Structures are given as structure tokens and as C-alpha cells.
C-alpha atoms as a PDB file:
ATOM      1  CA  UNK A   1      -8.263  -9.008  18.463  1.00  0.00           C
ATOM      2  CA  UNK A   2      -9.432  -9.422  14.861  1.00  0.00           C
ATOM      3  CA  UNK A   3      -7.185  -8.286  12.039  1.00  0.00           C
ATOM      4  CA  UNK A   4      -7.907  -8.329   8.348  1.00  0.00           C
ATOM      5  CA  UNK A   5      -6.034  -8.221   5.064  1.00  0.00           C
ATOM      6  CA  UNK A   6      -6.583  -6.052   1.990  1.00  0.00           C
ATOM      7  CA  UNK A   7      -8.744  -8.753   0.388  1.00  0.00           C
ATOM      8  CA  UNK A   8     -10.912  -9.107   3.493  1.00  0.00           C
ATOM      9  CA  UNK A   9     -11.348  -5.398   4.255  1.00  0.00           C
ATOM     10  CA  UNK A  10     -14.758  -5.058   2.613  1.00  0.00           C
ATOM     11  CA  UNK A  11     -16.221  -7.567   5.097  1.00  0.00           C
ATOM     12  CA  UNK A  12     -15.637  -5.255   8.046  1.00  0.00           C
ATOM     13  CA  UNK A  13     -17.767  -2.342   9.094  1.00  0.00           C
ATOM     14  CA  UNK A  14     -16.758   0.758  10.987  1.00  0.00           C
ATOM     15  CA  UNK A  15     -16.273   2.993   7.985  1.00  0.00           C
ATOM     16  CA  UNK A  16     -16.024   2.999   4.229  1.00  0.00           C
ATOM     17  CA  UNK A  17     -13.577   0.870   2.262  1.00  0.00           C
ATOM     18  CA  UNK A  18     -10.339   2.801   1.785  1.00  0.00           C
ATOM     19  CA  UNK A  19      -8.884   0.545  -0.908  1.00  0.00           C
ATOM     20  CA  UNK A  20      -9.679   0.847  -4.602  1.00  0.00           C
ATOM     21  CA  UNK A  21     -10.088  -2.312  -6.643  1.00  0.00           C
ATOM     22  CA  UNK A  22     -11.773  -3.610  -9.764  1.00  0.00           C
ATOM     23  CA  UNK A  23     -12.650  -7.194  -8.940  1.00  0.00           C
ATOM     24  CA  UNK A  24     -13.359  -8.894 -12.245  1.00  0.00           C
ATOM     25  CA  UNK A  25     -12.958  -8.755 -16.016  1.00  0.00           C
ATOM     26  CA  UNK A  26     -14.457  -5.634 -17.674  1.00  0.00           C
ATOM     27  CA  UNK A  27     -15.276  -3.945 -14.372  1.00  0.00           C
ATOM     28  CA  UNK A  28     -14.936  -0.171 -14.715  1.00  0.00           C
ATOM     29  CA  UNK A  29     -14.761   2.906 -12.500  1.00  0.00           C
ATOM     30  CA  UNK A  30     -14.127   6.614 -12.944  1.00  0.00           C
ATOM     31  CA  UNK A  31     -11.284   7.877 -10.773  1.00  0.00           C
ATOM     32  CA  UNK A  32      -8.878  10.767 -10.434  1.00  0.00           C
ATOM     33  CA  UNK A  33      -5.225  10.194  -9.660  1.00  0.00           C
ATOM     34  CA  UNK A  34      -4.391  12.558  -6.806  1.00  0.00           C
ATOM     35  CA  UNK A  35      -1.159  13.708  -8.432  1.00  0.00           C
ATOM     36  CA  UNK A  36      -0.127  16.847 -10.265  1.00  0.00           C
ATOM     37  CA  UNK A  37       2.778  15.324 -12.195  1.00  0.00           C
ATOM     38  CA  UNK A  38       5.470  12.651 -12.048  1.00  0.00           C
ATOM     39  CA  UNK A  39       7.333  14.534  -9.331  1.00  0.00           C
ATOM     40  CA  UNK A  40       4.517  13.653  -6.939  1.00  0.00           C
ATOM     41  CA  UNK A  41       4.782   9.901  -7.491  1.00  0.00           C
ATOM     42  CA  UNK A  42       6.951   7.772  -5.223  1.00  0.00           C
ATOM     43  CA  UNK A  43       7.305   4.027  -4.990  1.00  0.00           C
ATOM     44  CA  UNK A  44       7.858   2.197  -1.735  1.00  0.00           C
ATOM     45  CA  UNK A  45      10.161  -0.791  -1.265  1.00  0.00           C
ATOM     46  CA  UNK A  46       8.355  -3.205   1.024  1.00  0.00           C
ATOM     47  CA  UNK A  47       8.508  -6.668   2.500  1.00  0.00           C
ATOM     48  CA  UNK A  48       5.262  -8.610   2.697  1.00  0.00           C
ATOM     49  CA  UNK A  49       5.231 -10.550   5.961  1.00  0.00           C
ATOM     50  CA  UNK A  50       2.733 -12.840   7.651  1.00  0.00           C
ATOM     51  CA  UNK A  51       1.089 -11.672  10.874  1.00  0.00           C
ATOM     52  CA  UNK A  52      -1.651 -13.928  12.257  1.00  0.00           C
ATOM     53  CA  UNK A  53      -2.040 -15.503   8.784  1.00  0.00           C
ATOM     54  CA  UNK A  54      -2.569 -12.095   7.169  1.00  0.00           C
ATOM     55  CA  UNK A  55      -0.213 -10.385   4.713  1.00  0.00           C
ATOM     56  CA  UNK A  56       1.206  -7.088   5.981  1.00  0.00           C
ATOM     57  CA  UNK A  57       3.405  -4.757   3.924  1.00  0.00           C
ATOM     58  CA  UNK A  58       6.331  -3.283   5.866  1.00  0.00           C
ATOM     59  CA  UNK A  59       8.691  -0.679   4.437  1.00  0.00           C
ATOM     60  CA  UNK A  60      12.227  -1.904   3.796  1.00  0.00           C
ATOM     61  CA  UNK A  61      14.860  -0.041   5.810  1.00  0.00           C
ATOM     62  CA  UNK A  62      17.514   0.154   3.096  1.00  0.00           C
ATOM     63  CA  UNK A  63      17.957   1.670  -0.335  1.00  0.00           C
ATOM     64  CA  UNK A  64      18.783  -0.649  -3.243  1.00  0.00           C
ATOM     65  CA  UNK A  65      22.494   0.268  -3.131  1.00  0.00           C
ATOM     66  CA  UNK A  66      22.929  -0.130   0.630  1.00  0.00           C
ATOM     67  CA  UNK A  67      24.173  -3.305   2.380  1.00  0.00           C
ATOM     68  CA  UNK A  68      21.548  -5.906   3.274  1.00  0.00           C
ATOM     69  CA  UNK A  69      22.554  -5.683   6.921  1.00  0.00           C
ATOM     70  CA  UNK A  70      20.811  -2.323   7.181  1.00  0.00           C
ATOM     71  CA  UNK A  71      17.423  -4.064   7.055  1.00  0.00           C
ATOM     72  CA  UNK A  72      16.829  -7.107   9.300  1.00  0.00           C
ATOM     73  CA  UNK A  73      14.328  -8.613   6.861  1.00  0.00           C
ATOM     74  CA  UNK A  74      16.784  -8.329   3.964  1.00  0.00           C
ATOM     75  CA  UNK A  75      19.525  -9.831   6.133  1.00  0.00           C
ATOM     76  CA  UNK A  76      17.188 -12.745   6.927  1.00  0.00           C
ATOM     77  CA  UNK A  77      16.843 -13.476   3.213  1.00  0.00           C
ATOM     78  CA  UNK A  78      13.472 -11.852   2.519  1.00  0.00           C
ATOM     79  CA  UNK A  79      13.368 -10.076  -0.823  1.00  0.00           C
ATOM     80  CA  UNK A  80      11.778  -6.584  -0.988  1.00  0.00           C
ATOM     81  CA  UNK A  81       9.409  -5.536  -3.767  1.00  0.00           C
ATOM     82  CA  UNK A  82       8.691  -2.116  -5.226  1.00  0.00           C
ATOM     83  CA  UNK A  83       5.044  -1.081  -4.983  1.00  0.00           C
ATOM     84  CA  UNK A  84       3.008   2.014  -5.693  1.00  0.00           C
ATOM     85  CA  UNK A  85       0.364   3.025  -3.177  1.00  0.00           C
ATOM     86  CA  UNK A  86      -1.586   5.356  -5.417  1.00  0.00           C
ATOM     87  CA  UNK A  87      -4.040   7.866  -3.936  1.00  0.00           C
ATOM     88  CA  UNK A  88      -7.137   8.066  -6.119  1.00  0.00           C
ATOM     89  CA  UNK A  89     -10.547   9.665  -5.826  1.00  0.00           C
ATOM     90  CA  UNK A  90     -13.458   7.342  -6.606  1.00  0.00           C
ATOM     91  CA  UNK A  91     -16.101   9.426  -8.366  1.00  0.00           C
ATOM     92  CA  UNK A  92     -18.879   6.907  -7.619  1.00  0.00           C
ATOM     93  CA  UNK A  93     -18.381   6.627  -3.862  1.00  0.00           C
ATOM     94  CA  UNK A  94     -17.035  10.192  -3.473  1.00  0.00           C
ATOM     95  CA  UNK A  95     -14.085   8.920  -1.442  1.00  0.00           C
ATOM     96  CA  UNK A  96     -10.316   9.012  -1.637  1.00  0.00           C
ATOM     97  CA  UNK A  97      -8.793   5.521  -1.693  1.00  0.00           C
ATOM     98  CA  UNK A  98      -5.470   3.727  -2.139  1.00  0.00           C
ATOM     99  CA  UNK A  99      -4.842   1.644  -5.255  1.00  0.00           C
ATOM    100  CA  UNK A 100      -1.909  -0.755  -4.775  1.00  0.00           C
ATOM    101  CA  UNK A 101       0.025  -1.512  -7.952  1.00  0.00           C
ATOM    102  CA  UNK A 102       3.424  -2.906  -8.875  1.00  0.00           C
ATOM    103  CA  UNK A 103       6.310  -0.641  -9.850  1.00  0.00           C
ATOM    104  CA  UNK A 104       5.711  -1.282 -13.578  1.00  0.00           C
ATOM    105  CA  UNK A 105       2.589   0.877 -13.276  1.00  0.00           C
ATOM    106  CA  UNK A 106       4.965   3.850 -13.298  1.00  0.00           C
ATOM    107  CA  UNK A 107       4.909   3.579 -17.110  1.00  0.00           C
ATOM    108  CA  UNK A 108       1.158   4.122 -17.345  1.00  0.00           C
ATOM    109  CA  UNK A 109       1.300   7.047 -14.956  1.00  0.00           C
ATOM    110  CA  UNK A 110       4.190   8.575 -16.897  1.00  0.00           C
ATOM    111  CA  UNK A 111       2.199   8.436 -20.137  1.00  0.00           C
ATOM    112  CA  UNK A 112      -0.793  10.092 -18.490  1.00  0.00           C
ATOM    113  CA  UNK A 113       1.281  12.794 -16.791  1.00  0.00           C
ATOM    114  CA  UNK A 114       2.961  13.707 -20.092  1.00  0.00           C
ATOM    115  CA  UNK A 115      -0.448  14.445 -21.610  1.00  0.00           C
ATOM    116  CA  UNK A 116      -2.498  15.839 -18.728  1.00  0.00           C
ATOM    117  CA  UNK A 117      -1.101  18.454 -16.386  1.00  0.00           C
ATOM    118  CA  UNK A 118      -2.120  18.572 -13.627  1.00  0.00           C
ATOM    119  CA  UNK A 119      -3.161  14.932 -13.769  1.00  0.00           C
ATOM    120  CA  UNK A 120      -5.773  15.362 -11.036  1.00  0.00           C
ATOM    121  CA  UNK A 121      -7.686  17.699 -13.360  1.00  0.00           C
ATOM    122  CA  UNK A 122      -8.690  14.819 -15.657  1.00  0.00           C
ATOM    123  CA  UNK A 123     -11.142  12.122 -14.532  1.00  0.00           C
ATOM    124  CA  UNK A 124     -10.194   8.757 -16.011  1.00  0.00           C
ATOM    125  CA  UNK A 125     -12.326   5.709 -16.661  1.00  0.00           C
ATOM    126  CA  UNK A 126     -10.388   2.571 -15.718  1.00  0.00           C
ATOM    127  CA  UNK A 127     -11.304  -0.825 -17.165  1.00  0.00           C
ATOM    128  CA  UNK A 128      -9.989  -4.134 -15.900  1.00  0.00           C
ATOM    129  CA  UNK A 129      -8.952  -6.738 -18.479  1.00  0.00           C
ATOM    130  CA  UNK A 130      -8.543 -10.068 -16.707  1.00  0.00           C
ATOM    131  CA  UNK A 131     -10.598 -12.287 -14.478  1.00  0.00           C
ATOM    132  CA  UNK A 132     -10.149 -12.359 -10.732  1.00  0.00           C
ATOM    133  CA  UNK A 133      -6.812 -13.961  -9.869  1.00  0.00           C
ATOM    134  CA  UNK A 134      -5.431 -13.689 -13.411  1.00  0.00           C
ATOM    135  CA  UNK A 135      -1.728 -12.836 -13.123  1.00  0.00           C
ATOM    136  CA  UNK A 136      -1.747 -11.202 -16.587  1.00  0.00           C
ATOM    137  CA  UNK A 137      -4.464  -8.689 -15.698  1.00  0.00           C
ATOM    138  CA  UNK A 138      -4.049  -5.258 -17.304  1.00  0.00           C
ATOM    139  CA  UNK A 139      -5.912  -1.965 -17.019  1.00  0.00           C
ATOM    140  CA  UNK A 140      -7.032   0.338 -19.795  1.00  0.00           C
ATOM    141  CA  UNK A 141      -7.253   4.087 -19.145  1.00  0.00           C
ATOM    142  CA  UNK A 142      -9.781   6.303 -20.899  1.00  0.00           C
ATOM    143  CA  UNK A 143      -9.291   9.997 -20.038  1.00  0.00           C
ATOM    144  CA  UNK A 144     -12.448  12.074 -19.942  1.00  0.00           C
ATOM    145  CA  UNK A 145     -13.081  15.818 -20.206  1.00  0.00           C
ATOM    146  CA  UNK A 146     -10.529  17.793 -18.184  1.00  0.00           C
ATOM    147  CA  UNK A 147     -11.651  20.441 -15.724  1.00  0.00           C
ATOM    148  CA  UNK A 148     -10.085  22.856 -13.250  1.00  0.00           C
ATOM    149  CA  UNK A 149      -9.974  20.491 -10.284  1.00  0.00           C
ATOM    150  CA  UNK A 150      -6.962  20.623  -7.964  1.00  0.00           C
ATOM    151  CA  UNK A 151      -5.735  18.159  -5.335  1.00  0.00           C
ATOM    152  CA  UNK A 152      -7.080  20.172  -2.402  1.00  0.00           C
ATOM    153  CA  UNK A 153     -10.597  19.737  -3.802  1.00  0.00           C
ATOM    154  CA  UNK A 154     -10.524  16.101  -2.649  1.00  0.00           C
ATOM    155  CA  UNK A 155     -10.203  14.367   0.749  1.00  0.00           C
ATOM    156  CA  UNK A 156      -6.618  13.655   1.743  1.00  0.00           C
ATOM    157  CA  UNK A 157      -5.506  10.052   2.226  1.00  0.00           C
ATOM    158  CA  UNK A 158      -2.184   8.666   3.420  1.00  0.00           C
ATOM    159  CA  UNK A 159      -1.008   5.145   2.539  1.00  0.00           C
ATOM    160  CA  UNK A 160       1.394   4.957   5.484  1.00  0.00           C
ATOM    161  CA  UNK A 161      -0.328   3.210   8.353  1.00  0.00           C
ATOM    162  CA  UNK A 162      -3.131   2.118   6.042  1.00  0.00           C
ATOM    163  CA  UNK A 163      -1.636   0.151   3.144  1.00  0.00           C
ATOM    164  CA  UNK A 164       1.899  -0.270   4.493  1.00  0.00           C
ATOM    165  CA  UNK A 165       3.592   0.162   7.843  1.00  0.00           C
ATOM    166  CA  UNK A 166       6.865   1.698   8.991  1.00  0.00           C
ATOM    167  CA  UNK A 167       8.851  -0.230  11.602  1.00  0.00           C
ATOM    168  CA  UNK A 168      12.132   0.356  13.373  1.00  0.00           C
ATOM    169  CA  UNK A 169      15.097  -2.005  13.201  1.00  0.00           C
ATOM    170  CA  UNK A 170      14.296  -3.273  16.703  1.00  0.00           C
ATOM    171  CA  UNK A 171      10.684  -3.968  15.738  1.00  0.00           C
ATOM    172  CA  UNK A 172      11.739  -5.927  12.663  1.00  0.00           C
ATOM    173  CA  UNK A 173      14.174  -7.960  14.752  1.00  0.00           C
ATOM    174  CA  UNK A 174      11.379  -8.656  17.220  1.00  0.00           C
ATOM    175  CA  UNK A 175       9.229  -9.893  14.331  1.00  0.00           C
ATOM    176  CA  UNK A 176      11.954 -12.263  13.133  1.00  0.00           C
ATOM    177  CA  UNK A 177      12.220 -13.718  16.633  1.00  0.00           C
ATOM    178  CA  UNK A 178       8.490 -14.024  17.326  1.00  0.00           C
ATOM    179  CA  UNK A 179       6.605 -13.994  14.003  1.00  0.00           C
ATOM    180  CA  UNK A 180       4.613 -10.982  15.162  1.00  0.00           C
ATOM    181  CA  UNK A 181       5.149  -7.424  16.343  1.00  0.00           C
ATOM    182  CA  UNK A 182       4.961  -6.315  19.984  1.00  0.00           C
ATOM    183  CA  UNK A 183       1.410  -6.414  21.336  1.00  0.00           C
ATOM    184  CA  UNK A 184       1.128  -2.645  21.607  1.00  0.00           C
ATOM    185  CA  UNK A 185       2.327  -2.381  18.003  1.00  0.00           C
ATOM    186  CA  UNK A 186      -0.364  -4.764  16.794  1.00  0.00           C
ATOM    187  CA  UNK A 187      -3.065  -2.744  18.525  1.00  0.00           C
ATOM    188  CA  UNK A 188      -1.845   0.389  16.785  1.00  0.00           C
ATOM    189  CA  UNK A 189      -1.577  -1.351  13.396  1.00  0.00           C
ATOM    190  CA  UNK A 190      -5.204  -2.428  13.647  1.00  0.00           C
ATOM    191  CA  UNK A 191      -6.285   1.111  14.479  1.00  0.00           C
ATOM    192  CA  UNK A 192      -4.152   2.539  11.660  1.00  0.00           C
ATOM    193  CA  UNK A 193      -5.659   0.087   9.162  1.00  0.00           C
ATOM    194  CA  UNK A 194      -9.152   1.242  10.037  1.00  0.00           C
ATOM    195  CA  UNK A 195      -8.299   4.948   9.996  1.00  0.00           C
ATOM    196  CA  UNK A 196      -6.428   6.383   7.004  1.00  0.00           C
ATOM    197  CA  UNK A 197      -3.807   8.966   7.828  1.00  0.00           C
ATOM    198  CA  UNK A 198      -4.176   8.411  11.577  1.00  0.00           C
ATOM    199  CA  UNK A 199      -1.426  10.025  13.584  1.00  0.00           C
ATOM    200  CA  UNK A 200      -0.752   6.628  15.160  1.00  0.00           C
ATOM    201  CA  UNK A 201       1.361   5.875  12.062  1.00  0.00           C
ATOM    202  CA  UNK A 202       3.949   8.294  13.401  1.00  0.00           C
ATOM    203  CA  UNK A 203       3.822   6.938  16.945  1.00  0.00           C
ATOM    204  CA  UNK A 204       4.498   3.413  15.705  1.00  0.00           C
ATOM    205  CA  UNK A 205       8.039   4.492  14.849  1.00  0.00           C
ATOM    206  CA  UNK A 206       9.008   4.849  18.526  1.00  0.00           C
ATOM    207  CA  UNK A 207      11.587   2.254  19.486  1.00  0.00           C
ATOM    208  CA  UNK A 208      10.691  -0.321  22.114  1.00  0.00           C
ATOM    209  CA  UNK A 209      12.843  -2.594  24.265  1.00  0.00           C
ATOM    210  CA  UNK A 210      13.531  -5.960  22.629  1.00  0.00           C
ATOM    211  CA  UNK A 211      12.955  -8.980  24.937  1.00  0.00           C
ATOM    212  CA  UNK A 212      15.339 -11.910  25.510  1.00  0.00           C
ATOM    213  CA  UNK A 213      16.252 -13.628  22.271  1.00  0.00           C
ATOM    214  CA  UNK A 214      14.893 -17.092  21.478  1.00  0.00           C
ATOM    215  CA  UNK A 215      15.885 -19.107  18.407  1.00  0.00           C
ATOM    216  CA  UNK A 216      15.298 -17.019  15.288  1.00  0.00           C
ATOM    217  CA  UNK A 217      13.079 -18.354  12.508  1.00  0.00           C
ATOM    218  CA  UNK A 218      12.223 -17.094   9.059  1.00  0.00           C
ATOM    219  CA  UNK A 219       8.464 -16.831   8.478  1.00  0.00           C
ATOM    220  CA  UNK A 220       6.862 -17.462   5.103  1.00  0.00           C
ATOM    221  CA  UNK A 221       5.651 -14.492   3.097  1.00  0.00           C
ATOM    222  CA  UNK A 222       3.976 -13.552  -0.188  1.00  0.00           C
ATOM    223  CA  UNK A 223       6.275 -12.601  -3.078  1.00  0.00           C
ATOM    224  CA  UNK A 224       3.559 -11.259  -5.407  1.00  0.00           C
ATOM    225  CA  UNK A 225       4.573  -7.925  -6.865  1.00  0.00           C
ATOM    226  CA  UNK A 226       1.061  -6.673  -7.571  1.00  0.00           C
ATOM    227  CA  UNK A 227      -2.348  -6.887  -5.941  1.00  0.00           C
ATOM    228  CA  UNK A 228      -4.752  -8.275  -8.475  1.00  0.00           C
END
């Protein structure tokens, strides 16, 4: 079974690309943030783990002020990172997509929301400043003429099951023991990655029996806060 990461997604057919990205310096696109105001925006605390040499984001099971034992990955010494999985509408492709950013992007969204309400009613030209792979890459925002658009005017998209996955405690323990998720889980993850908002994202939460326990190992993972 073939699986693919965010960076490799454009090489696979079977539907349009559901991730938004500007690949190189001075690339631009006109998008709409599918938010009304700051109350709509939520970050997600995730662990980035390796599955078949691909990076997979998995939601952390604990809040910042809860004991590390509540999340098996935290207890194993893996540090969670705050990310934003931002739903945007790409005016060029006429599709809703997910733009993955680090938690510091909250500041840019806050500035926009304070000036444009609802935010979705203002198309925004985004320009990338930084070459591919540059860790200091920034994005400039150039708001355009506002209109009367509302969120329901655009296709719905759900980051859960597409850009990050929700696992149970038993499933995370299984991963720590085996370096992968149960076979049935992996089949569903692949389907969820190809189909945004698929109801399989909910079914993946069902607990499964954990097999006999071999020696536990800690897999390597990517600590990058942002996707550049």
C-alpha cells in the first residue's frame, strides 16, 4: 500500500490537491480564509511521527497543563507542537484547501480579523518571501476589495483525517511498540488522506485490542514547527 506525505501529495492522482502552498520566493495566490472572526480559529497540539518513512501529524491527547502520562507520546519523550490547519479557498483552482502553519501565524490572523469582519468576505493576495526550504520564510498579506461572501458560499473542508489524525491511547501505545498503527488503521488513514472530511476520520477513533507487548522503542520524528 502506497502512502504519501504532504510534500509528495501533488504527485498522486485521484483528485485535486487539498493542501495550499506557495513553493518559492515571490510566488503569490489569492485566497479567502474560511473564518468569520478569531472565535473560529483553533490550533491543534500535535506530534509528528514517522510511519513508513513519512511524517504523520497525530493530535496530542493532553492539554498543556495536564500530566504527560495522559498522552503516550508525551510520556515517551516526544514533544508536541502547536499548529494551525487553516481552511482557505483558492480563487485560482476554485477549491477549498488546508494551509498548515505554525502557532505564531495566529498574530497575522488576529490583525486581519480586527480589520475585516467577517474575514471570509475579503479575498487576500498572499506573497511568499523566502526560497524553498528557507526557515525564515514569511508571508505578506494584501487584502483586496471586500464583498458579501459568507462561509457557506464555499466548499467545506475538514483538516481532521486529512492534515492530522486523531488516535486513541491504545493506538498510540501500539505505535510506540511497533513503529506503525494497526493495519486496519493504516488503510483508513490512507483513505482519509485522499478524501477530505471523510467520515472515516470518526471511525478511526474506535478502540482496538492491543497485541502482546514487545520491547518498546522510540521512533525518530520531525520537530519542525511550520511547513515551509
